Protein backbone atom coordinates (compact mmCIF):
# COMPACT_ATOMS: atom_id res chain seq x y z
CA MET A 1 0.54 74.37 38.86
CA LYS A 2 1.78 71.64 36.94
CA TYR A 3 -0.33 68.71 38.12
CA THR A 4 -4.09 68.58 39.26
CA PRO A 5 -4.66 68.80 42.99
CA VAL A 6 -3.57 65.42 44.90
CA GLN A 7 -6.47 63.30 46.23
CA ASN A 8 -6.75 60.20 48.35
CA TYR A 9 -7.26 56.94 46.85
CA ILE A 10 -10.12 54.90 47.95
CA ASN A 11 -11.78 51.65 46.76
CA GLY A 12 -10.03 52.11 43.34
CA LYS A 13 -11.00 55.77 43.04
CA PHE A 14 -9.24 59.21 43.64
CA THR A 15 -11.59 60.94 46.09
CA ALA A 16 -11.52 64.37 47.53
CA ALA A 17 -10.45 64.63 51.03
CA SER A 18 -13.02 65.97 53.55
CA THR A 19 -10.87 69.06 54.25
CA ASP A 20 -9.86 72.31 52.72
CA LYS A 21 -6.52 72.24 54.57
CA LYS A 22 -3.80 71.82 51.81
CA LEU A 23 -0.08 72.15 51.36
CA ASP A 24 1.76 72.98 48.25
CA VAL A 25 3.91 70.44 46.49
CA ILE A 26 7.23 72.34 45.53
CA SER A 27 9.78 70.86 43.35
CA PRO A 28 13.25 71.22 44.88
CA LEU A 29 14.90 71.24 41.56
CA ASP A 30 13.74 74.74 40.65
CA GLY A 31 10.99 75.68 43.01
CA THR A 32 8.05 74.98 40.48
CA LEU A 33 4.69 74.54 42.31
CA LEU A 34 3.72 70.94 41.21
CA SER A 35 0.52 70.35 42.97
CA THR A 36 -1.38 70.82 46.40
CA VAL A 37 -1.83 67.82 48.78
CA PRO A 38 -4.75 67.54 51.28
CA MET A 39 -4.09 67.19 55.10
CA SER A 40 -6.91 64.66 55.64
CA PRO A 41 -8.65 64.33 59.02
CA ALA A 42 -8.83 60.96 60.78
CA LYS A 43 -12.32 60.46 59.68
CA ASP A 44 -10.93 59.94 55.95
CA LEU A 45 -8.68 57.19 57.32
CA ASP A 46 -11.75 55.39 58.78
CA THR A 47 -13.37 55.48 55.15
CA GLU A 48 -10.16 53.78 53.81
CA VAL A 49 -10.01 51.17 56.54
CA LYS A 50 -13.52 50.16 55.92
CA ALA A 51 -12.87 49.87 52.09
CA ALA A 52 -9.90 47.87 52.72
CA LYS A 53 -11.73 45.57 55.35
CA ALA A 54 -14.38 45.09 52.83
CA ALA A 55 -11.91 43.93 50.12
CA PHE A 56 -9.95 41.53 52.66
CA PRO A 57 -12.24 38.24 52.47
CA GLY A 58 -12.12 38.02 48.75
CA TRP A 59 -8.42 38.99 48.26
CA SER A 60 -7.14 36.87 51.22
CA LYS A 61 -9.13 33.64 49.92
CA THR A 62 -7.60 34.16 46.51
CA PRO A 63 -4.83 31.53 46.07
CA ILE A 64 -1.33 33.20 46.49
CA LYS A 65 -0.54 31.85 42.66
CA GLU A 66 -3.54 33.95 41.41
CA ARG A 67 -2.51 36.92 43.60
CA VAL A 68 1.18 37.23 42.38
CA GLN A 69 -0.19 37.49 38.79
CA VAL A 70 -1.13 40.94 39.62
CA PHE A 71 2.48 41.53 40.29
CA PHE A 72 3.71 39.93 37.23
CA ARG A 73 1.58 42.55 35.40
CA TYR A 74 2.62 45.40 37.66
CA LYS A 75 6.35 44.49 37.16
CA TYR A 76 5.80 44.76 33.34
CA LEU A 77 3.98 48.25 33.84
CA LEU A 78 6.88 49.54 35.98
CA GLU A 79 9.30 48.58 33.06
CA LYS A 80 6.98 50.12 30.51
CA HIS A 81 6.66 53.36 32.35
CA LEU A 82 10.33 53.50 33.69
CA GLN A 83 11.05 56.89 32.26
CA GLU A 84 8.08 58.54 33.09
CA LEU A 85 8.20 57.15 36.76
CA GLY A 86 11.80 58.10 37.09
CA ALA A 87 11.10 61.70 35.89
CA LEU A 88 8.20 62.08 38.47
CA VAL A 89 10.43 60.87 41.18
CA SER A 90 13.17 63.55 40.08
CA GLU A 91 10.70 66.32 40.02
CA GLU A 92 8.95 65.82 43.31
CA ASN A 93 12.18 64.69 45.43
CA GLY A 94 14.91 66.68 43.68
CA LYS A 95 17.23 63.34 42.62
CA THR A 96 18.96 63.57 39.34
CA LEU A 97 17.13 61.65 36.67
CA GLY A 98 19.78 58.92 36.61
CA GLU A 99 19.13 58.35 40.33
CA ALA A 100 15.50 58.43 40.06
CA ILE A 101 15.35 55.86 37.26
CA ALA A 102 17.74 53.59 39.44
CA GLU A 103 15.05 53.91 42.13
CA VAL A 104 12.30 52.80 40.05
CA GLU A 105 14.71 49.76 38.76
CA LYS A 106 14.81 48.87 42.28
CA CYS A 107 11.18 48.79 42.67
CA ILE A 108 11.14 46.21 39.62
CA GLU A 109 13.40 44.08 41.77
CA LEU A 110 11.27 44.38 44.84
CA THR A 111 8.46 43.46 42.74
CA GLU A 112 10.12 40.40 40.97
CA PHE A 113 10.64 39.12 44.41
CA ALA A 114 7.14 39.26 45.37
CA THR A 115 6.31 37.15 42.38
CA SER A 116 8.54 34.37 43.84
CA LEU A 117 6.45 34.31 47.13
CA PRO A 118 4.52 31.26 46.24
CA GLN A 119 7.53 29.24 46.36
CA LEU A 120 8.78 30.71 50.00
CA VAL A 121 5.33 30.42 51.82
CA THR A 122 4.54 26.65 50.98
CA GLY A 123 4.43 25.94 54.81
CA GLU A 124 5.43 22.48 56.29
CA VAL A 125 3.62 19.19 56.45
CA LEU A 126 4.88 16.30 58.61
CA GLU A 127 3.11 12.94 59.62
CA VAL A 128 4.07 13.29 63.37
CA SER A 129 2.67 9.90 64.05
CA ARG A 130 0.94 7.12 62.20
CA GLY A 131 -2.25 8.77 60.70
CA VAL A 132 -1.66 12.10 62.28
CA GLU A 133 -0.58 14.99 60.31
CA CYS A 134 0.63 18.49 61.33
CA ARG A 135 0.65 21.46 59.11
CA THR A 136 1.73 25.10 58.98
CA GLU A 137 0.57 27.76 56.57
CA HIS A 138 1.19 31.65 56.43
CA VAL A 139 -2.09 33.44 56.74
CA PRO A 140 -2.48 37.20 56.03
CA LEU A 141 -3.09 39.58 59.01
CA GLY A 142 -6.11 41.93 57.55
CA VAL A 143 -5.67 45.53 57.00
CA VAL A 144 -2.22 46.91 57.40
CA ALA A 145 -0.63 50.34 57.05
CA SER A 146 2.50 51.82 55.64
CA ILE A 147 3.81 55.21 56.42
CA VAL A 148 6.64 56.06 53.93
CA PRO A 149 9.16 58.94 53.67
CA PHE A 150 10.14 61.61 51.13
CA ASN A 151 13.52 60.47 50.21
CA PHE A 152 12.20 57.59 48.11
CA PRO A 153 8.94 58.32 46.77
CA SER A 154 8.67 55.10 44.87
CA MET A 155 11.05 52.52 46.39
CA VAL A 156 10.08 52.68 49.98
CA PRO A 157 6.46 52.31 49.06
CA ASN A 158 7.53 49.24 46.90
CA TRP A 159 9.37 47.86 49.96
CA THR A 160 5.89 47.21 51.43
CA ILE A 161 3.21 47.10 48.75
CA PRO A 162 4.22 43.86 46.84
CA ASN A 163 4.95 41.70 49.68
CA ALA A 164 2.37 42.69 51.93
CA ILE A 165 -0.46 42.35 49.35
CA ALA A 166 0.83 39.53 47.55
CA LEU A 167 0.61 37.69 50.95
CA GLY A 168 -3.03 38.46 51.11
CA ASN A 169 -3.12 41.72 52.99
CA CYS A 170 -5.06 44.98 52.13
CA MET A 171 -3.20 48.03 52.68
CA VAL A 172 -3.76 52.04 53.56
CA MET A 173 -0.46 53.86 52.60
CA LYS A 174 0.28 57.28 53.90
CA PRO A 175 2.83 58.95 51.94
CA SER A 176 4.98 61.92 52.79
CA GLU A 177 3.18 65.17 52.04
CA LYS A 178 6.56 66.55 50.41
CA VAL A 179 6.29 63.75 47.85
CA PRO A 180 2.65 62.61 47.23
CA LEU A 181 2.81 62.23 43.39
CA SER A 182 4.63 59.04 42.87
CA VAL A 183 2.34 56.95 45.16
CA GLY A 184 -0.69 58.09 43.14
CA ARG A 185 0.74 56.84 40.18
CA ILE A 186 1.57 53.41 41.81
CA ALA A 187 -2.12 53.25 42.59
CA GLU A 188 -3.15 53.75 39.05
CA LEU A 189 -0.52 51.22 37.83
CA LEU A 190 -1.81 48.50 40.42
CA LYS A 191 -5.29 48.92 39.26
CA GLU A 192 -4.25 48.57 35.64
CA ALA A 193 -2.50 45.38 36.69
CA GLY A 194 -5.72 43.82 37.99
CA LEU A 195 -5.47 44.54 41.60
CA PRO A 196 -9.14 44.53 42.93
CA ASP A 197 -10.47 47.82 44.30
CA GLY A 198 -10.20 48.34 48.09
CA VAL A 199 -6.91 46.24 48.18
CA PHE A 200 -4.68 49.26 48.05
CA ASN A 201 -5.58 52.63 49.40
CA VAL A 202 -3.87 55.98 49.85
CA VAL A 203 -4.58 58.46 52.49
CA HIS A 204 -2.59 62.13 52.67
CA GLY A 205 -2.19 64.01 55.68
CA ASP A 206 0.29 65.08 58.43
CA SER A 207 0.73 63.87 61.95
CA GLU A 208 -3.06 63.57 62.62
CA ILE A 209 -3.11 60.76 60.26
CA VAL A 210 -0.07 59.09 61.54
CA ASN A 211 -1.71 59.03 65.00
CA ALA A 212 -4.89 57.86 63.63
CA ILE A 213 -3.07 55.06 61.88
CA CYS A 214 -1.45 53.88 65.01
CA ASP A 215 -4.56 54.00 66.93
CA HIS A 216 -7.17 52.74 64.44
CA PRO A 217 -8.71 49.27 65.69
CA GLY A 218 -9.18 47.91 62.25
CA ILE A 219 -5.35 48.10 61.29
CA GLU A 220 -3.50 45.01 62.32
CA ALA A 221 -0.01 45.83 61.42
CA VAL A 222 1.90 49.34 60.92
CA SER A 223 5.22 49.75 59.09
CA PHE A 224 7.09 53.12 59.30
CA VAL A 225 10.23 54.70 57.55
CA GLY A 226 11.57 58.12 58.64
CA SER A 227 13.39 59.76 61.52
CA THR A 228 14.35 57.94 64.77
CA LYS A 229 12.49 60.43 66.65
CA VAL A 230 9.18 59.67 64.87
CA ALA A 231 9.99 55.80 64.63
CA LYS A 232 10.02 55.59 68.30
CA ILE A 233 6.67 57.46 68.65
CA VAL A 234 4.95 55.20 66.07
CA TYR A 235 6.56 52.23 67.54
CA GLN A 236 5.23 52.82 70.98
CA ARG A 237 1.96 54.17 70.00
CA SER A 238 1.12 51.17 67.66
CA THR A 239 2.17 48.61 70.16
CA HIS A 240 0.50 50.39 72.92
CA ASN A 241 -2.56 49.49 70.84
CA TYR A 242 -1.56 46.02 70.34
CA LYS A 243 -0.59 46.12 66.47
CA ARG A 244 2.46 44.72 65.16
CA CYS A 245 4.84 47.37 64.06
CA LEU A 246 8.17 47.73 62.20
CA ALA A 247 9.71 51.22 62.30
CA LEU A 248 12.80 51.97 60.74
CA GLY A 249 14.51 55.35 61.80
CA GLY A 250 17.85 57.19 60.98
CA ALA A 251 21.28 56.22 60.73
CA LYS A 252 24.86 57.69 61.02
CA ASN A 253 26.98 55.36 59.01
CA HIS A 254 30.64 54.97 59.47
CA LEU A 255 33.15 54.04 56.81
CA MET A 256 36.36 52.87 58.38
CA VAL A 257 39.32 53.58 55.94
CA LEU A 258 42.56 51.57 56.53
CA PRO A 259 45.96 52.63 54.88
CA ASP A 260 46.12 49.60 52.62
CA ALA A 261 42.91 50.38 50.92
CA LYS A 262 42.85 50.88 47.25
CA ALA A 263 42.84 54.64 47.02
CA ASP A 264 41.24 55.37 43.67
CA MET A 265 38.43 52.60 44.54
CA THR A 266 37.82 54.00 48.02
CA ALA A 267 37.64 57.68 47.02
CA GLN A 268 34.98 56.88 44.21
CA ASN A 269 32.86 54.77 46.70
CA VAL A 270 33.12 57.32 49.62
CA ALA A 271 32.41 60.30 47.29
CA ALA A 272 29.43 58.46 45.66
CA SER A 273 28.08 57.10 49.17
CA MET A 274 28.09 60.50 50.85
CA SER A 275 26.51 62.47 47.73
CA GLY A 276 24.13 59.94 46.23
CA CYS A 277 20.47 61.25 46.35
CA ALA A 278 22.10 64.42 47.86
CA GLY A 279 22.91 62.43 50.79
CA GLN A 280 19.19 61.96 51.64
CA ARG A 281 19.09 58.22 52.36
CA CYS A 282 19.72 56.17 55.44
CA MET A 283 22.45 54.25 53.90
CA ALA A 284 24.67 57.30 52.99
CA ALA A 285 28.27 57.60 54.23
CA SER A 286 27.86 60.33 56.83
CA ALA A 287 31.05 59.78 58.88
CA MET A 288 34.59 58.62 58.01
CA VAL A 289 36.96 57.02 60.21
CA GLY A 290 40.58 57.05 59.12
CA VAL A 291 43.02 54.49 60.63
CA GLY A 292 46.51 55.74 60.49
CA ASN A 293 48.08 57.87 57.60
CA ILE A 294 45.31 58.07 55.08
CA ASP A 295 46.09 61.59 53.76
CA HIS A 296 46.63 60.33 50.13
CA ILE A 297 43.13 58.79 50.27
CA ILE A 298 41.48 61.97 51.64
CA ASP A 299 43.16 63.99 48.70
CA LYS A 300 41.69 61.66 46.29
CA ILE A 301 38.07 61.95 48.05
CA CYS A 302 38.41 65.64 47.63
CA ASP A 303 39.13 65.37 43.87
CA GLU A 304 36.13 63.06 43.48
CA ALA A 305 33.75 65.43 45.44
CA ARG A 306 34.99 68.28 43.15
CA LYS A 307 33.71 66.31 40.20
CA ILE A 308 30.34 66.21 41.72
CA VAL A 309 28.39 69.52 40.34
CA PRO A 310 25.06 70.50 41.72
CA GLY A 311 22.14 70.41 39.04
CA LYS A 312 24.15 67.98 36.92
CA ASN A 313 25.30 64.95 38.75
CA LEU A 314 24.03 65.99 42.19
CA GLY A 315 20.37 66.56 43.03
CA ALA A 316 18.70 69.29 45.06
CA VAL A 317 17.82 68.63 49.01
CA ILE A 318 14.01 68.25 49.56
CA ASN A 319 13.45 72.12 50.69
CA LYS A 320 14.87 75.40 52.05
CA GLU A 321 14.61 74.30 55.66
CA SER A 322 16.81 71.19 54.75
CA GLN A 323 19.34 73.24 52.90
CA GLU A 324 19.61 75.89 55.76
CA ARG A 325 19.94 73.01 58.50
CA ILE A 326 22.77 71.26 56.54
CA GLU A 327 24.60 74.48 56.02
CA ARG A 328 24.31 75.21 59.60
CA TYR A 329 26.00 71.82 60.70
CA ILE A 330 28.91 72.54 58.22
CA THR A 331 29.23 76.13 59.69
CA GLU A 332 29.08 74.80 63.36
CA ALA A 333 31.84 72.42 62.58
CA GLU A 334 34.04 74.83 61.10
CA GLN A 335 33.53 77.02 64.09
CA GLN A 336 34.56 74.17 66.53
CA GLY A 337 37.88 73.61 64.54
CA ALA A 338 37.02 71.12 61.90
CA LYS A 339 38.72 72.00 58.50
CA ILE A 340 36.43 72.30 55.43
CA LEU A 341 38.24 70.77 52.67
CA VAL A 342 35.46 70.97 49.96
CA ASP A 343 32.65 73.39 50.90
CA GLY A 344 29.14 73.06 49.56
CA ARG A 345 27.33 76.08 51.29
CA HIS A 346 25.69 78.81 49.27
CA THR A 347 25.21 76.80 46.11
CA VAL A 348 23.02 78.06 43.39
CA VAL A 349 22.46 76.58 40.21
CA ALA A 350 22.23 78.81 37.08
CA GLY A 351 18.80 78.61 35.58
CA LYS A 352 17.36 77.08 38.89
CA GLU A 353 17.84 79.76 41.33
CA LYS A 354 14.83 78.67 43.19
CA GLY A 355 16.02 75.25 43.61
CA THR A 356 17.50 73.95 47.15
CA TYR A 357 20.96 72.89 46.61
CA VAL A 358 23.92 71.82 48.63
CA GLY A 359 27.23 71.06 47.13
CA PRO A 360 29.53 68.06 48.08
CA THR A 361 31.05 68.87 51.40
CA VAL A 362 34.12 67.31 52.89
CA ILE A 363 34.98 68.20 56.54
CA ASP A 364 38.35 66.86 57.99
CA HIS A 365 39.69 66.65 61.53
CA VAL A 366 36.47 66.33 63.19
CA THR A 367 36.30 65.01 66.77
CA PRO A 368 33.70 62.48 67.96
CA GLY A 369 31.85 64.94 70.06
CA MET A 370 31.08 67.28 67.37
CA SER A 371 27.47 67.32 66.05
CA VAL A 372 28.38 66.44 62.49
CA ALA A 373 30.16 63.34 63.93
CA THR A 374 27.10 62.20 65.95
CA GLU A 375 23.84 63.46 64.26
CA GLU A 376 22.20 62.51 61.15
CA ILE A 377 22.91 65.42 58.72
CA PHE A 378 20.81 64.14 55.78
CA GLY A 379 23.02 65.93 53.25
CA PRO A 380 26.03 65.48 50.85
CA VAL A 381 28.47 65.74 53.88
CA ILE A 382 31.14 63.52 54.87
CA SER A 383 32.84 64.19 58.41
CA ILE A 384 36.33 62.81 58.64
CA MET A 385 37.62 61.42 62.25
CA ARG A 386 41.31 60.27 62.72
CA THR A 387 42.42 57.32 64.74
CA ASN A 388 45.53 55.02 65.26
CA THR A 389 44.10 51.84 65.57
CA VAL A 390 41.06 49.72 64.19
CA ASP A 391 39.97 49.17 67.73
CA GLU A 392 39.72 52.88 68.24
CA ALA A 393 37.62 53.23 64.91
CA LEU A 394 35.35 50.47 66.03
CA ALA A 395 34.92 52.25 69.39
CA ILE A 396 33.72 55.37 67.53
CA GLU A 397 31.35 53.35 65.33
CA ASN A 398 29.88 51.38 68.25
CA ALA A 399 29.42 54.54 70.37
CA ASN A 400 26.90 55.97 68.08
CA PRO A 401 23.35 55.01 68.91
CA TYR A 402 22.28 54.04 65.32
CA GLY A 403 23.03 50.84 63.65
CA ASN A 404 21.88 50.74 60.06
CA ALA A 405 25.35 50.32 57.97
CA ALA A 406 29.06 50.28 58.42
CA SER A 407 31.65 49.61 55.92
CA VAL A 408 35.48 49.06 55.84
CA PHE A 409 37.77 49.75 53.13
CA THR A 410 41.01 47.53 53.21
CA GLN A 411 42.67 44.69 51.14
CA ASN A 412 43.21 42.73 54.45
CA GLY A 413 40.58 40.00 54.32
CA GLY A 414 41.33 39.00 58.30
CA MET A 415 40.88 42.72 59.31
CA ALA A 416 37.63 42.98 57.11
CA ARG A 417 36.33 39.88 59.03
CA TYR A 418 37.21 41.46 62.49
CA ILE A 419 35.31 44.51 61.64
CA ILE A 420 32.35 42.66 60.36
CA ASP A 421 32.16 40.58 63.50
CA HIS A 422 32.69 43.79 65.90
CA ALA A 423 30.83 46.65 64.22
CA SER A 424 27.26 47.09 65.52
CA ALA A 425 25.27 47.56 62.70
CA GLY A 426 22.67 45.38 60.60
CA MET A 427 24.35 45.87 57.21
CA ILE A 428 28.27 45.85 56.84
CA GLY A 429 29.97 46.62 53.69
CA VAL A 430 33.57 45.44 52.65
CA ASN A 431 34.92 48.06 49.99
CA VAL A 432 31.24 48.98 49.54
CA GLY A 433 30.15 52.43 50.34
CA VAL A 434 26.16 51.64 50.41
CA PRO A 435 26.04 48.13 51.58
CA VAL A 436 22.35 47.43 50.82
CA PRO A 437 21.49 43.83 50.50
CA ARG A 438 19.89 42.78 47.11
CA GLU A 439 16.78 40.50 46.96
CA PRO A 440 16.04 38.14 48.56
CA PHE A 441 18.20 39.40 51.18
CA SER A 442 16.48 41.88 53.84
CA PHE A 443 16.86 45.43 54.40
CA GLY A 444 17.29 46.44 58.13
CA GLY A 445 19.57 47.94 60.72
CA TRP A 446 20.03 47.56 64.53
CA ASN A 447 19.97 49.66 67.62
CA ASP A 448 18.03 53.23 67.23
CA SER A 449 17.88 52.51 63.24
CA LYS A 450 15.07 50.04 63.75
CA PHE A 451 12.14 49.20 66.26
CA GLY A 452 10.52 45.78 66.05
CA VAL A 453 11.49 42.42 64.84
CA GLY A 454 12.25 41.25 61.40
CA ASP A 455 13.27 43.11 58.37
CA ILE A 456 11.04 45.13 55.91
CA THR A 457 12.10 43.44 52.79
CA GLY A 458 13.17 40.10 51.35
CA LYS A 459 12.35 36.69 53.08
CA SER A 460 12.34 38.26 56.62
CA SER A 461 9.49 40.36 55.79
CA ILE A 462 7.09 37.19 55.51
CA GLU A 463 6.96 36.65 59.12
CA PHE A 464 5.77 40.38 59.64
CA TRP A 465 3.17 40.36 57.04
CA THR A 466 1.62 37.07 57.96
CA LYS A 467 0.69 34.84 61.05
CA LEU A 468 1.39 31.13 61.30
CA LYS A 469 -1.49 28.72 61.48
CA LYS A 470 -1.01 25.18 62.71
CA SER A 471 -3.29 22.30 62.13
CA THR A 472 -3.18 18.72 63.24
CA THR A 473 -5.55 16.19 61.47
CA LYS A 474 -6.37 12.56 62.39
CA TRP A 475 -8.43 10.25 60.21
CA ASN A 476 -7.52 6.79 61.71
CA PRO A 477 -10.11 5.94 64.30
CA GLU A 478 -8.32 2.51 64.76
CA ALA A 479 -5.29 4.29 66.20
CA GLY A 480 -7.33 4.71 69.46
CA VAL A 481 -6.73 7.34 71.97
CA ASN A 482 -3.57 8.72 73.45
CA TRP A 483 -2.35 11.63 75.38
CA MET A 484 -2.34 13.74 71.87
CA SER A 485 -6.06 13.27 71.49
């Protein structure tokens, strides 16, 4: 075992969970046993919430200009330890090292945004009548919880940590049991940056802890990122218990390719979008809808896909179960009459035979009713459907229940605008394969890709992590009494 056993993080200290039940943490890259992670019982969550609650009065009353100084230092530490943090992400998740370092660089950008929050939450003041002033201010909620997935062990935690904490909340985070190591390192860096004990806490576990978070009366708000099936459960359970909840689910992102698209640029973007992070991201291109004759572009996409080599510029999928599930989708599509142009099944990387890899896969002549056309595969697979018109392509995109992203590849500005206006997705790209907004713009989809109001990052997140206090003051008794008094 390469690392010491994972522990919970409570009140500034790593603490053993009150259970003997543990899971192995296996590197998807080569099958190495990295560590073990405890499946904490619900009573451990209660201890964490008590620690966060005790820290809240002092932290929330600290002026925001002082709170963000922690994140200036944290940003410096992320930069200082960039290579180390990237290597850890790669090891536990299976990403290539380049992708993992890019993930940590995104954490730096997210933290940089949090340092600007004092300029964004100044509130408003207005003299509404002579001698009478109204004021608004953003007030932290209290103890909040963040439940994060396996596909971005560092970035998704940093979607919530800097903003929620800089805005004055105290947090309990529940990492994926598949990738618990990066969050532990984040906890160490936050402490080194000067974050007071109890403000950030980590509890490890499975569905028992997730349910406990949804039910705990001391938690005011819950954020979740994961599958749509679980996002619905978390949202329903949390809101049933009168909590705020923002739950992000899965996706089936469509790239619409028109005949006038720049062939080389389109092929490079499509191949990168479908295979980046081994396709294990909710913004990956999963379905492509060709409009008219685009055979020349498909040929180039296949050429680009063949340049993507597992173990070199393509990482592993998270585990054996995922590998087998992805390959079943490909085989089923083939049996249903689709044509496999590039086949990534049965991939073995020399020297890493225990790794879990799926090669880039391009499937043509997919029909809208096939499972590869409708379900989230979460692997390096692109399913190509064909239509005659843009409206037919939009009908396919809009019929899917998800709504994270859609992109169009074209040189026609009017057609691009038409698709932006009519595609049912929260994030749209034009000649961009992964249309993730950069800070300060926020991340969030529509439909079955998101449950709750607002977005999880950027300026939109301020409304989720705070409540608005309104005060009215009057210091002129000579004004007398009126209907406002």
